[in-house]
Amino acid sequence: MTKFRPCIDLHDGRVKQIVGSSLSDSGAGLKTNFETDRSPAWFAELYKKDGINGGHVIMLGKGNVDAAKAALAAYPGGLQVGGGITADNAQEYLDAGASHVIVTSWIFPDGKLDRERLERLSKTVGKEHLVLDLSCKRVRTDNDSGDDSEDIQPRWKIAINRWQTLIDIEITAETLTDLSSYCDEFLIHAADVEGKQQGMDDELIMFLAEHSPIPCTYAGGAKSLADLKHCKQISNGLIDLTIGSALDLFGGKGVKYDDCVKFNKA
């Protein structure tokens, strides 16, 4: 059944909510919706108190390792962690308290799937401790040119390197089936709408519900409690939802954290 999944996004060692499409290596043009002096551990302890598990600690760039490990230590087994994870360092995050490690860019060097890396990573941590982040962006279709044909399906390509680099691998039923044999869950941000609070990519949610053979969490654009209920409806309860910038915990006005807790408990 659809659940609210919390998050702790880290940038320069601080908890922030940012517009995903504004991320860059240089940091120039970064759009921040929210940042706080509250520690990552404070948020982790809150999620632990309320029994909200499966949340994502995401390290956006360098300088976040200590902050991430502090959150994991505050809620052992209750949080997943991603950002700069490789087969060489993954175990240290599990040892620090993560239930899963979340990996994306490392398995796609030069924009291509490195199956040897993926197999090594899956064997190193165990399939049951691995989440693959297949965050993506929409790509142009004939519909973008004014063709109203209902037969034309939307397309999404995987975005790596903090969503800066679009690679030539699409989110398809075949891709999801293939990669599911190596991991326990998928995490998929709709990078085009992430952090904008302007609505979710409903078509992506429905596509994932139909074609993902393993549990999947969608993130991007949710702005109200109604969106959480809508996600449940259009995914037949199969897709979990992360809400970030719209949440009152992060300065948002669209969703009360307490209401999300009640939704999960119900």
C-alpha atoms as a PDB file:
ATOM      1  CA  MET A   1       0.000   0.000   0.000  1.00  0.00           C
ATOM      2  CA  THR A   2       1.238   3.505  -0.839  1.00  0.00           C
ATOM      3  CA  LYS A   3       3.220   5.105   1.971  1.00  0.00           C
ATOM      4  CA  PHE A   4       4.706   8.524   2.604  1.00  0.00           C
ATOM      5  CA  ARG A   5       8.515   8.274   2.569  1.00  0.00           C
ATOM      6  CA  PRO A   6      10.437  11.024   4.388  1.00  0.00           C
ATOM      7  CA  CYS A   7      13.726  12.506   3.250  1.00  0.00           C
ATOM      8  CA  ILE A   8      16.812  14.249   4.578  1.00  0.00           C
ATOM      9  CA  ASP A   9      18.548  16.064   1.722  1.00  0.00           C
ATOM     10  CA  LEU A  10      22.058  17.223   2.572  1.00  0.00           C
ATOM     11  CA  HIS A  11      24.066  19.954   0.867  1.00  0.00           C
ATOM     12  CA  ASP A  12      27.309  21.285   2.371  1.00  0.00           C
ATOM     13  CA  GLY A  13      26.526  19.274   5.500  1.00  0.00           C
ATOM     14  CA  ARG A  14      23.185  20.998   6.123  1.00  0.00           C
ATOM     15  CA  VAL A  15      19.597  19.895   5.662  1.00  0.00           C
ATOM     16  CA  LYS A  16      18.166  21.681   2.632  1.00  0.00           C
ATOM     17  CA  GLN A  17      15.436  21.449   0.043  1.00  0.00           C
ATOM     18  CA  ILE A  18      16.564  22.518  -3.405  1.00  0.00           C
ATOM     19  CA  VAL A  19      15.222  22.640  -6.956  1.00  0.00           C
ATOM     20  CA  GLY A  20      16.733  19.506  -8.476  1.00  0.00           C
ATOM     21  CA  SER A  21      17.235  20.941 -11.945  1.00  0.00           C
ATOM     22  CA  SER A  22      19.387  23.763 -10.495  1.00  0.00           C
ATOM     23  CA  LEU A  23      22.140  21.414  -9.257  1.00  0.00           C
ATOM     24  CA  SER A  24      25.553  21.852 -10.859  1.00  0.00           C
ATOM     25  CA  ASP A  25      29.161  20.940 -10.125  1.00  0.00           C
ATOM     26  CA  SER A  26      30.111  24.573  -9.589  1.00  0.00           C
ATOM     27  CA  GLY A  27      27.148  25.353  -7.348  1.00  0.00           C
ATOM     28  CA  ALA A  28      26.317  28.387  -9.468  1.00  0.00           C
ATOM     29  CA  GLY A  29      22.607  28.995  -9.945  1.00  0.00           C
ATOM     30  CA  LEU A  30      21.570  26.713  -7.100  1.00  0.00           C
ATOM     31  CA  LYS A  31      17.961  27.400  -6.067  1.00  0.00           C
ATOM     32  CA  THR A  32      17.303  26.607  -2.412  1.00  0.00           C
ATOM     33  CA  ASN A  33      13.740  26.332  -1.147  1.00  0.00           C
ATOM     34  CA  PHE A  34      14.710  25.718   2.468  1.00  0.00           C
ATOM     35  CA  GLU A  35      17.623  25.222   4.844  1.00  0.00           C
ATOM     36  CA  THR A  36      17.766  24.835   8.592  1.00  0.00           C
ATOM     37  CA  ASP A  37      20.107  24.808  11.554  1.00  0.00           C
ATOM     38  CA  ARG A  38      18.408  21.647  12.803  1.00  0.00           C
ATOM     39  CA  SER A  39      20.739  18.690  12.511  1.00  0.00           C
ATOM     40  CA  PRO A  40      20.150  15.703  10.231  1.00  0.00           C
ATOM     41  CA  ALA A  41      19.960  13.599  13.410  1.00  0.00           C
ATOM     42  CA  TRP A  42      17.033  15.717  14.637  1.00  0.00           C
ATOM     43  CA  PHE A  43      14.992  14.746  11.573  1.00  0.00           C
ATOM     44  CA  ALA A  44      16.060  11.102  11.855  1.00  0.00           C
ATOM     45  CA  GLU A  45      14.991  10.986  15.500  1.00  0.00           C
ATOM     46  CA  LEU A  46      11.612  12.470  14.571  1.00  0.00           C
ATOM     47  CA  TYR A  47      11.025   9.838  11.890  1.00  0.00           C
ATOM     48  CA  LYS A  48      12.052   7.126  14.352  1.00  0.00           C
ATOM     49  CA  LYS A  49       9.656   8.437  17.034  1.00  0.00           C
ATOM     50  CA  ASP A  50       6.771   8.402  14.559  1.00  0.00           C
ATOM     51  CA  GLY A  51       7.646   5.010  13.072  1.00  0.00           C
ATOM     52  CA  ILE A  52       8.165   6.399   9.576  1.00  0.00           C
ATOM     53  CA  ASN A  53      10.772   4.175   7.956  1.00  0.00           C
ATOM     54  CA  GLY A  54      12.312   3.773   4.529  1.00  0.00           C
ATOM     55  CA  GLY A  55      13.251   7.455   4.243  1.00  0.00           C
ATOM     56  CA  HIS A  56      16.099   8.666   2.076  1.00  0.00           C
ATOM     57  CA  VAL A  57      19.224  10.476   3.248  1.00  0.00           C
ATOM     58  CA  ILE A  58      20.623  12.001   0.066  1.00  0.00           C
ATOM     59  CA  MET A  59      24.126  13.509  -0.024  1.00  0.00           C
ATOM     60  CA  LEU A  60      24.102  16.202  -2.713  1.00  0.00           C
ATOM     61  CA  GLY A  61      27.791  16.698  -3.422  1.00  0.00           C
ATOM     62  CA  LYS A  62      30.801  16.659  -1.136  1.00  0.00           C
ATOM     63  CA  GLY A  63      31.022  17.496   2.558  1.00  0.00           C
ATOM     64  CA  ASN A  64      28.006  15.488   3.679  1.00  0.00           C
ATOM     65  CA  VAL A  65      29.412  12.181   4.927  1.00  0.00           C
ATOM     66  CA  ASP A  66      29.539  13.066   8.636  1.00  0.00           C
ATOM     67  CA  ALA A  67      26.054  14.584   8.517  1.00  0.00           C
ATOM     68  CA  ALA A  68      24.665  11.511   6.774  1.00  0.00           C
ATOM     69  CA  LYS A  69      26.248   9.106   9.252  1.00  0.00           C
ATOM     70  CA  ALA A  70      24.876  11.137  12.158  1.00  0.00           C
ATOM     71  CA  ALA A  71      21.363  10.691  10.766  1.00  0.00           C
ATOM     72  CA  LEU A  72      21.886   6.968  10.218  1.00  0.00           C
ATOM     73  CA  ALA A  73      23.161   6.536  13.774  1.00  0.00           C
ATOM     74  CA  ALA A  74      20.065   8.282  15.114  1.00  0.00           C
ATOM     75  CA  TYR A  75      17.720   5.830  13.367  1.00  0.00           C
ATOM     76  CA  PRO A  76      19.536   2.523  12.803  1.00  0.00           C
ATOM     77  CA  GLY A  77      17.828   0.390  10.169  1.00  0.00           C
ATOM     78  CA  GLY A  78      15.218   3.039   9.434  1.00  0.00           C
ATOM     79  CA  LEU A  79      16.868   5.059   6.678  1.00  0.00           C
ATOM     80  CA  GLN A  80      18.442   4.552   3.278  1.00  0.00           C
ATOM     81  CA  VAL A  81      21.428   6.602   2.109  1.00  0.00           C
ATOM     82  CA  GLY A  82      22.616   7.724  -1.299  1.00  0.00           C
ATOM     83  CA  GLY A  83      25.036  10.083  -2.996  1.00  0.00           C
ATOM     84  CA  GLY A  84      28.548   9.043  -4.004  1.00  0.00           C
ATOM     85  CA  ILE A  85      28.013   5.401  -3.064  1.00  0.00           C
ATOM     86  CA  THR A  86      30.262   2.786  -4.704  1.00  0.00           C
ATOM     87  CA  ALA A  87      31.048  -0.877  -4.122  1.00  0.00           C
ATOM     88  CA  ASP A  88      34.127   0.246  -2.205  1.00  0.00           C
ATOM     89  CA  ASN A  89      32.362   2.438   0.381  1.00  0.00           C
ATOM     90  CA  ALA A  90      28.839   0.990   0.496  1.00  0.00           C
ATOM     91  CA  GLN A  91      29.461  -1.321   3.434  1.00  0.00           C
ATOM     92  CA  GLU A  92      30.592   1.522   5.700  1.00  0.00           C
ATOM     93  CA  TYR A  93      27.176   3.140   5.363  1.00  0.00           C
ATOM     94  CA  LEU A  94      25.409  -0.112   6.194  1.00  0.00           C
ATOM     95  CA  ASP A  95      27.715  -0.440   9.192  1.00  0.00           C
ATOM     96  CA  ALA A  96      26.766   3.136  10.141  1.00  0.00           C
ATOM     97  CA  GLY A  97      23.100   2.138  10.344  1.00  0.00           C
ATOM     98  CA  ALA A  98      21.624   2.384   6.842  1.00  0.00           C
ATOM     99  CA  SER A  99      19.073  -0.256   5.866  1.00  0.00           C
ATOM    100  CA  HIS A 100      19.956   0.223   2.182  1.00  0.00           C
ATOM    101  CA  VAL A 101      22.426   2.107   0.037  1.00  0.00           C
ATOM    102  CA  ILE A 102      21.089   4.052  -2.938  1.00  0.00           C
ATOM    103  CA  VAL A 103      23.224   4.072  -6.077  1.00  0.00           C
ATOM    104  CA  THR A 104      22.928   5.652  -9.487  1.00  0.00           C
ATOM    105  CA  SER A 105      25.821   7.401 -11.252  1.00  0.00           C
ATOM    106  CA  TRP A 106      28.501   4.877 -10.243  1.00  0.00           C
ATOM    107  CA  ILE A 107      26.903   2.070 -12.262  1.00  0.00           C
ATOM    108  CA  PHE A 108      26.625   4.283 -15.346  1.00  0.00           C
ATOM    109  CA  PRO A 109      30.208   5.407 -16.086  1.00  0.00           C
ATOM    110  CA  ASP A 110      30.431   7.286 -19.394  1.00  0.00           C
ATOM    111  CA  GLY A 111      26.637   7.117 -19.571  1.00  0.00           C
ATOM    112  CA  LYS A 112      26.486   3.365 -20.102  1.00  0.00           C
ATOM    113  CA  LEU A 113      25.444   0.575 -17.766  1.00  0.00           C
ATOM    114  CA  ASP A 114      28.506  -1.181 -16.354  1.00  0.00           C
ATOM    115  CA  ARG A 115      27.051  -4.570 -15.502  1.00  0.00           C
ATOM    116  CA  GLU A 116      30.269  -5.735 -13.898  1.00  0.00           C
ATOM    117  CA  ARG A 117      30.098  -2.838 -11.420  1.00  0.00           C
ATOM    118  CA  LEU A 118      26.422  -3.526 -10.771  1.00  0.00           C
ATOM    119  CA  GLU A 119      27.005  -7.204 -10.114  1.00  0.00           C
ATOM    120  CA  ARG A 120      29.934  -6.450  -7.805  1.00  0.00           C
ATOM    121  CA  LEU A 121      27.893  -3.896  -5.872  1.00  0.00           C
ATOM    122  CA  SER A 122      24.898  -6.217  -5.531  1.00  0.00           C
ATOM    123  CA  LYS A 123      27.080  -9.071  -4.296  1.00  0.00           C
ATOM    124  CA  THR A 124      29.046  -6.812  -1.932  1.00  0.00           C
ATOM    125  CA  VAL A 125      26.063  -5.434   0.001  1.00  0.00           C
ATOM    126  CA  GLY A 126      23.453  -8.033  -0.865  1.00  0.00           C
ATOM    127  CA  LYS A 127      20.503  -7.464  -3.184  1.00  0.00           C
ATOM    128  CA  GLU A 128      18.308  -6.893  -0.127  1.00  0.00           C
ATOM    129  CA  HIS A 129      20.341  -3.817   0.864  1.00  0.00           C
ATOM    130  CA  LEU A 130      20.513  -2.111  -2.530  1.00  0.00           C
ATOM    131  CA  VAL A 131      18.250   0.579  -3.997  1.00  0.00           C
ATOM    132  CA  LEU A 132      18.854   1.736  -7.557  1.00  0.00           C
ATOM    133  CA  ASP A 133      18.096   5.391  -8.210  1.00  0.00           C
ATOM    134  CA  LEU A 134      16.779   5.659 -11.752  1.00  0.00           C
ATOM    135  CA  SER A 135      15.865   9.332 -11.577  1.00  0.00           C
ATOM    136  CA  CYS A 136      14.959  10.652 -14.977  1.00  0.00           C
ATOM    137  CA  LYS A 137      13.829  13.457 -17.252  1.00  0.00           C
ATOM    138  CA  ARG A 138      11.236  13.464 -19.982  1.00  0.00           C
ATOM    139  CA  VAL A 139      12.499  13.482 -23.535  1.00  0.00           C
ATOM    140  CA  ARG A 140      10.831  14.930 -26.590  1.00  0.00           C
ATOM    141  CA  THR A 141       8.174  12.910 -28.381  1.00  0.00           C
ATOM    142  CA  ASP A 142       6.020  13.609 -31.408  1.00  0.00           C
ATOM    143  CA  ASN A 143       3.398  14.907 -28.971  1.00  0.00           C
ATOM    144  CA  ASP A 144       5.710  17.822 -28.178  1.00  0.00           C
ATOM    145  CA  SER A 145       5.327  18.848 -31.806  1.00  0.00           C
ATOM    146  CA  GLY A 146       1.570  19.063 -31.604  1.00  0.00           C
ATOM    147  CA  ASP A 147       0.561  15.507 -32.464  1.00  0.00           C
ATOM    148  CA  ASP A 148      -2.453  14.677 -30.304  1.00  0.00           C
ATOM    149  CA  SER A 149      -2.380  10.950 -30.987  1.00  0.00           C
ATOM    150  CA  GLU A 150      -3.296   8.983 -27.870  1.00  0.00           C
ATOM    151  CA  ASP A 151      -1.021   6.142 -29.007  1.00  0.00           C
ATOM    152  CA  ILE A 152       2.172   8.100 -28.403  1.00  0.00           C
ATOM    153  CA  GLN A 153       3.688   7.158 -25.060  1.00  0.00           C
ATOM    154  CA  PRO A 154       5.780   9.485 -22.898  1.00  0.00           C
ATOM    155  CA  ARG A 155       9.484   8.669 -22.620  1.00  0.00           C
ATOM    156  CA  TRP A 156      11.973   9.226 -19.826  1.00  0.00           C
ATOM    157  CA  LYS A 157      15.754   8.964 -19.910  1.00  0.00           C
ATOM    158  CA  ILE A 158      17.869   8.284 -16.828  1.00  0.00           C
ATOM    159  CA  ALA A 159      19.681  11.353 -15.447  1.00  0.00           C
ATOM    160  CA  ILE A 160      22.958  10.917 -13.527  1.00  0.00           C
ATOM    161  CA  ASN A 161      25.557  13.177 -11.873  1.00  0.00           C
ATOM    162  CA  ARG A 162      23.011  14.988  -9.692  1.00  0.00           C
ATOM    163  CA  TRP A 163      20.604  14.985 -12.658  1.00  0.00           C
ATOM    164  CA  GLN A 164      22.966  17.064 -14.816  1.00  0.00           C
ATOM    165  CA  THR A 165      23.727  14.332 -17.372  1.00  0.00           C
ATOM    166  CA  LEU A 166      21.043  12.671 -19.467  1.00  0.00           C
ATOM    167  CA  ILE A 167      22.131   9.241 -20.668  1.00  0.00           C
ATOM    168  CA  ASP A 168      20.856   7.122 -23.519  1.00  0.00           C
ATOM    169  CA  ILE A 169      19.020   4.610 -21.322  1.00  0.00           C
ATOM    170  CA  GLU A 170      15.265   4.932 -21.011  1.00  0.00           C
ATOM    171  CA  ILE A 171      12.875   3.929 -18.250  1.00  0.00           C
ATOM    172  CA  THR A 172      11.168   1.022 -19.968  1.00  0.00           C
ATOM    173  CA  ALA A 173       9.506  -2.168 -18.804  1.00  0.00           C
ATOM    174  CA  GLU A 174      12.569  -4.057 -20.016  1.00  0.00           C
ATOM    175  CA  THR A 175      14.973  -1.784 -18.106  1.00  0.00           C
ATOM    176  CA  LEU A 176      13.005  -2.127 -14.891  1.00  0.00           C
ATOM    177  CA  THR A 177      12.762  -5.907 -15.191  1.00  0.00           C
ATOM    178  CA  ASP A 178      16.458  -6.266 -15.970  1.00  0.00           C
ATOM    179  CA  LEU A 179      17.723  -4.074 -13.131  1.00  0.00           C
ATOM    180  CA  SER A 180      15.262  -5.430 -10.561  1.00  0.00           C
ATOM    181  CA  SER A 181      17.231  -8.662 -10.391  1.00  0.00           C
ATOM    182  CA  TYR A 182      20.083  -6.779  -8.685  1.00  0.00           C
ATOM    183  CA  CYS A 183      18.250  -4.674  -6.097  1.00  0.00           C
ATOM    184  CA  ASP A 184      15.500  -4.513  -3.507  1.00  0.00           C
ATOM    185  CA  GLU A 185      13.805  -1.248  -4.552  1.00  0.00           C
ATOM    186  CA  PHE A 186      13.860   1.571  -7.072  1.00  0.00           C
ATOM    187  CA  LEU A 187      13.920   5.274  -6.198  1.00  0.00           C
ATOM    188  CA  ILE A 188      12.863   7.504  -9.074  1.00  0.00           C
ATOM    189  CA  HIS A 189      12.886  11.299  -8.978  1.00  0.00           C
ATOM    190  CA  ALA A 190      11.119  13.113 -11.782  1.00  0.00           C
ATOM    191  CA  ALA A 191      13.959  15.616 -12.059  1.00  0.00           C
ATOM    192  CA  ASP A 192      11.971  18.026 -14.256  1.00  0.00           C
ATOM    193  CA  VAL A 193       9.498  18.756 -11.463  1.00  0.00           C
ATOM    194  CA  GLU A 194      11.622  17.995  -8.366  1.00  0.00           C
ATOM    195  CA  GLY A 195      11.456  20.793  -5.797  1.00  0.00           C
ATOM    196  CA  LYS A 196       9.019  22.936  -7.794  1.00  0.00           C
ATOM    197  CA  GLN A 197       5.762  21.991  -6.012  1.00  0.00           C
ATOM    198  CA  GLN A 198       3.929  22.286  -9.320  1.00  0.00           C
ATOM    199  CA  GLY A 199       2.455  18.820  -9.559  1.00  0.00           C
ATOM    200  CA  MET A 200       3.648  15.258 -10.049  1.00  0.00           C
ATOM    201  CA  ASP A 201       4.372  13.370 -13.250  1.00  0.00           C
ATOM    202  CA  ASP A 202       1.251  11.221 -13.134  1.00  0.00           C
ATOM    203  CA  GLU A 203       2.176   9.310 -16.274  1.00  0.00           C
ATOM    204  CA  LEU A 204       5.492   8.278 -14.775  1.00  0.00           C
ATOM    205  CA  ILE A 205       3.814   7.112 -11.559  1.00  0.00           C
ATOM    206  CA  MET A 206       1.316   5.018 -13.529  1.00  0.00           C
ATOM    207  CA  PHE A 207       4.061   3.600 -15.737  1.00  0.00           C
ATOM    208  CA  LEU A 208       6.087   2.544 -12.698  1.00  0.00           C
ATOM    209  CA  ALA A 209       3.040   0.992 -11.055  1.00  0.00           C
ATOM    210  CA  GLU A 210       2.367  -1.081 -14.156  1.00  0.00           C
ATOM    211  CA  HIS A 211       5.906  -2.148 -14.971  1.00  0.00           C
ATOM    212  CA  SER A 212       8.119  -2.176 -11.854  1.00  0.00           C
ATOM    213  CA  PRO A 213       8.396  -5.740 -10.530  1.00  0.00           C
ATOM    214  CA  ILE A 214       9.796  -4.555  -7.164  1.00  0.00           C
ATOM    215  CA  PRO A 215       8.828  -1.806  -4.660  1.00  0.00           C
ATOM    216  CA  CYS A 216       9.309   1.684  -6.056  1.00  0.00           C
ATOM    217  CA  THR A 217       9.281   5.177  -4.581  1.00  0.00           C
ATOM    218  CA  TYR A 218       8.487   8.242  -6.689  1.00  0.00           C
ATOM    219  CA  ALA A 219       9.643  11.769  -5.840  1.00  0.00           C
ATOM    220  CA  GLY A 220       8.997  15.077  -7.529  1.00  0.00           C
ATOM    221  CA  GLY A 221       6.379  17.814  -7.539  1.00  0.00           C
ATOM    222  CA  ALA A 222       4.074  16.634  -4.733  1.00  0.00           C
ATOM    223  CA  LYS A 223       2.496  19.688  -3.140  1.00  0.00           C
ATOM    224  CA  SER A 224      -0.420  18.529  -0.982  1.00  0.00           C
ATOM    225  CA  LEU A 225      -1.867  15.677   1.026  1.00  0.00           C
ATOM    226  CA  ALA A 226      -4.255  15.225  -1.886  1.00  0.00           C
ATOM    227  CA  ASP A 227      -1.226  14.315  -4.018  1.00  0.00           C
ATOM    228  CA  LEU A 228      -0.373  11.496  -1.603  1.00  0.00           C
ATOM    229  CA  LYS A 229      -3.916  10.173  -1.915  1.00  0.00           C
ATOM    230  CA  HIS A 230      -3.783  10.700  -5.696  1.00  0.00           C
ATOM    231  CA  CYS A 231      -0.549   8.717  -5.940  1.00  0.00           C
ATOM    232  CA  LYS A 232      -2.205   5.878  -4.074  1.00  0.00           C
ATOM    233  CA  GLN A 233      -5.194   5.992  -6.405  1.00  0.00           C
ATOM    234  CA  ILE A 234      -3.422   6.123  -9.763  1.00  0.00           C
ATOM    235  CA  SER A 235      -0.800   3.540  -8.737  1.00  0.00           C
ATOM    236  CA  ASN A 236      -3.313   1.149  -7.171  1.00  0.00           C
ATOM    237  CA  GLY A 237      -1.378   1.524  -3.930  1.00  0.00           C
ATOM    238  CA  LEU A 238       1.835   0.202  -5.484  1.00  0.00           C
ATOM    239  CA  ILE A 239       4.034   3.324  -5.502  1.00  0.00           C
ATOM    240  CA  ASP A 240       5.341   5.131  -2.405  1.00  0.00           C
ATOM    241  CA  LEU A 241       5.727   8.912  -2.446  1.00  0.00           C
ATOM    242  CA  THR A 242       8.391  11.251  -1.127  1.00  0.00           C
ATOM    243  CA  ILE A 243       7.271  14.778  -0.221  1.00  0.00           C
ATOM    244  CA  GLY A 244       9.969  17.373   0.372  1.00  0.00           C
ATOM    245  CA  SER A 245       9.691  21.084  -0.323  1.00  0.00           C
ATOM    246  CA  ALA A 246       5.921  21.237   0.242  1.00  0.00           C
ATOM    247  CA  LEU A 247       6.202  19.706   3.720  1.00  0.00           C
ATOM    248  CA  ASP A 248       5.842  22.011   6.727  1.00  0.00           C
ATOM    249  CA  LEU A 249       8.953  20.372   8.230  1.00  0.00           C
ATOM    250  CA  PHE A 250      10.894  22.023   5.419  1.00  0.00           C
ATOM    251  CA  GLY A 251       9.125  25.369   5.419  1.00  0.00           C
ATOM    252  CA  GLY A 252       6.403  24.308   2.999  1.00  0.00           C
ATOM    253  CA  LYS A 253       2.765  25.300   3.287  1.00  0.00           C
ATOM    254  CA  GLY A 254       1.127  22.496   1.297  1.00  0.00           C
ATOM    255  CA  VAL A 255       1.434  19.433   3.528  1.00  0.00           C
ATOM    256  CA  LYS A 256       1.556  18.884   7.270  1.00  0.00           C
ATOM    257  CA  TYR A 257       4.034  16.232   8.354  1.00  0.00           C
ATOM    258  CA  ASP A 258       1.595  15.056  11.043  1.00  0.00           C
ATOM    259  CA  ASP A 259      -1.014  14.385   8.346  1.00  0.00           C
ATOM    260  CA  CYS A 260       1.490  12.220   6.450  1.00  0.00           C
ATOM    261  CA  VAL A 261       2.185  10.246   9.626  1.00  0.00           C
ATOM    262  CA  LYS A 262      -1.559   9.706  10.084  1.00  0.00           C
ATOM    263  CA  PHE A 263      -1.848   8.624   6.415  1.00  0.00           C
ATOM    264  CA  ASN A 264       0.778   5.919   6.935  1.00  0.00           C
ATOM    265  CA  LYS A 265      -0.755   4.690  10.177  1.00  0.00           C
ATOM    266  CA  ALA A 266      -4.191   4.518   8.591  1.00  0.00           C
END
